[in-house]
Amino acid sequence: MDVNQQAIERALNDVDVLIHGHTHRPEIHDVHGKKRIVLGDWRADQAQILEINENNFSMGLSLKVWNY
């Protein structure tokens, strides 16, 4: 089950970035100028993680596959 748009907008009401667990649709979304980051699945040998460029936060967000 995915979250609905109203719940997302309420959660972003007082913050600029929302990071939440996977909904099987990982993505970095723009919601009225704010970021909604949906993390990917964790698997036995890999995960999808959020990489943050600390020198340029607004442009330095990306989802990456991490093999372990």
C-alpha atoms as a PDB file:
ATOM      1  CA  MET A   1       0.000   0.000   0.000  1.00  0.00           C
ATOM      2  CA  ASP A   2       1.303   3.440  -0.875  1.00  0.00           C
ATOM      3  CA  VAL A   3       0.777   6.649   1.047  1.00  0.00           C
ATOM      4  CA  ASN A   4      -1.738   9.096  -0.386  1.00  0.00           C
ATOM      5  CA  GLN A   5      -1.012  12.608  -1.616  1.00  0.00           C
ATOM      6  CA  GLN A   6      -2.822  14.288   1.298  1.00  0.00           C
ATOM      7  CA  ALA A   7      -0.683  12.432   3.855  1.00  0.00           C
ATOM      8  CA  ILE A   8       2.485  13.427   2.001  1.00  0.00           C
ATOM      9  CA  GLU A   9       1.488  17.086   1.862  1.00  0.00           C
ATOM     10  CA  ARG A  10       0.584  17.089   5.582  1.00  0.00           C
ATOM     11  CA  ALA A  11       3.937  15.513   6.454  1.00  0.00           C
ATOM     12  CA  LEU A  12       5.762  18.146   4.366  1.00  0.00           C
ATOM     13  CA  ASN A  13       3.798  21.007   5.918  1.00  0.00           C
ATOM     14  CA  ASP A  14       6.493  21.964   8.444  1.00  0.00           C
ATOM     15  CA  VAL A  15       9.618  20.420   6.857  1.00  0.00           C
ATOM     16  CA  ASP A  16      11.535  20.701   3.585  1.00  0.00           C
ATOM     17  CA  VAL A  17      12.491  17.031   3.190  1.00  0.00           C
ATOM     18  CA  LEU A  18      10.544  13.818   3.871  1.00  0.00           C
ATOM     19  CA  ILE A  19      12.441  10.520   3.802  1.00  0.00           C
ATOM     20  CA  HIS A  20      10.431   7.354   4.262  1.00  0.00           C
ATOM     21  CA  GLY A  21      10.558   3.622   3.789  1.00  0.00           C
ATOM     22  CA  HIS A  22      10.050   1.946   0.508  1.00  0.00           C
ATOM     23  CA  THR A  23       6.782   1.647  -1.346  1.00  0.00           C
ATOM     24  CA  HIS A  24       8.347  -0.515  -4.092  1.00  0.00           C
ATOM     25  CA  ARG A  25       8.687   2.702  -6.108  1.00  0.00           C
ATOM     26  CA  PRO A  26      11.921   4.369  -4.975  1.00  0.00           C
ATOM     27  CA  GLU A  27      12.310   7.888  -6.268  1.00  0.00           C
ATOM     28  CA  ILE A  28      13.181  11.442  -5.324  1.00  0.00           C
ATOM     29  CA  HIS A  29      10.045  13.522  -5.865  1.00  0.00           C
ATOM     30  CA  ASP A  30       9.516  17.275  -5.900  1.00  0.00           C
ATOM     31  CA  VAL A  31       6.336  18.158  -4.007  1.00  0.00           C
ATOM     32  CA  HIS A  32       5.603  21.885  -4.254  1.00  0.00           C
ATOM     33  CA  GLY A  33       9.318  22.709  -4.046  1.00  0.00           C
ATOM     34  CA  LYS A  34      10.030  20.249  -1.210  1.00  0.00           C
ATOM     35  CA  LYS A  35      11.715  16.830  -1.437  1.00  0.00           C
ATOM     36  CA  ARG A  36      10.003  13.484  -0.848  1.00  0.00           C
ATOM     37  CA  ILE A  37      12.564  10.700  -0.881  1.00  0.00           C
ATOM     38  CA  VAL A  38      11.251   7.126  -1.095  1.00  0.00           C
ATOM     39  CA  LEU A  39      13.897   4.548  -0.204  1.00  0.00           C
ATOM     40  CA  GLY A  40      14.220   1.264  -2.079  1.00  0.00           C
ATOM     41  CA  ASP A  41      14.088  -2.356  -0.978  1.00  0.00           C
ATOM     42  CA  TRP A  42      16.596  -4.100   1.259  1.00  0.00           C
ATOM     43  CA  ARG A  43      17.569  -7.498  -0.122  1.00  0.00           C
ATOM     44  CA  ALA A  44      19.899 -10.286   0.942  1.00  0.00           C
ATOM     45  CA  ASP A  45      22.764  -8.993  -1.203  1.00  0.00           C
ATOM     46  CA  GLN A  46      21.923  -5.375  -2.002  1.00  0.00           C
ATOM     47  CA  ALA A  47      19.952  -2.334  -0.986  1.00  0.00           C
ATOM     48  CA  GLN A  48      19.011   0.967  -2.486  1.00  0.00           C
ATOM     49  CA  ILE A  49      20.427   3.772  -0.374  1.00  0.00           C
ATOM     50  CA  LEU A  50      20.301   7.562  -0.328  1.00  0.00           C
ATOM     51  CA  GLU A  51      23.588   9.256  -1.157  1.00  0.00           C
ATOM     52  CA  ILE A  52      23.942  12.854   0.022  1.00  0.00           C
ATOM     53  CA  ASN A  53      26.558  15.276  -1.254  1.00  0.00           C
ATOM     54  CA  GLU A  54      27.264  17.304   1.885  1.00  0.00           C
ATOM     55  CA  ASN A  55      28.749  20.152  -0.173  1.00  0.00           C
ATOM     56  CA  ASN A  56      25.589  20.697  -2.242  1.00  0.00           C
ATOM     57  CA  PHE A  57      22.557  19.241  -0.465  1.00  0.00           C
ATOM     58  CA  SER A  58      19.903  20.518  -2.881  1.00  0.00           C
ATOM     59  CA  MET A  59      21.643  19.094  -5.952  1.00  0.00           C
ATOM     60  CA  GLY A  60      23.490  16.251  -4.259  1.00  0.00           C
ATOM     61  CA  LEU A  61      20.734  13.753  -3.492  1.00  0.00           C
ATOM     62  CA  SER A  62      20.645  10.456  -5.373  1.00  0.00           C
ATOM     63  CA  LEU A  63      19.448   6.899  -4.873  1.00  0.00           C
ATOM     64  CA  LYS A  64      22.182   4.307  -5.400  1.00  0.00           C
ATOM     65  CA  VAL A  65      22.277   0.525  -5.437  1.00  0.00           C
ATOM     66  CA  TRP A  66      24.656  -0.738  -2.754  1.00  0.00           C
ATOM     67  CA  ASN A  67      25.897  -4.317  -3.063  1.00  0.00           C
ATOM     68  CA  TYR A  68      27.198  -6.074   0.045  1.00  0.00           C
END
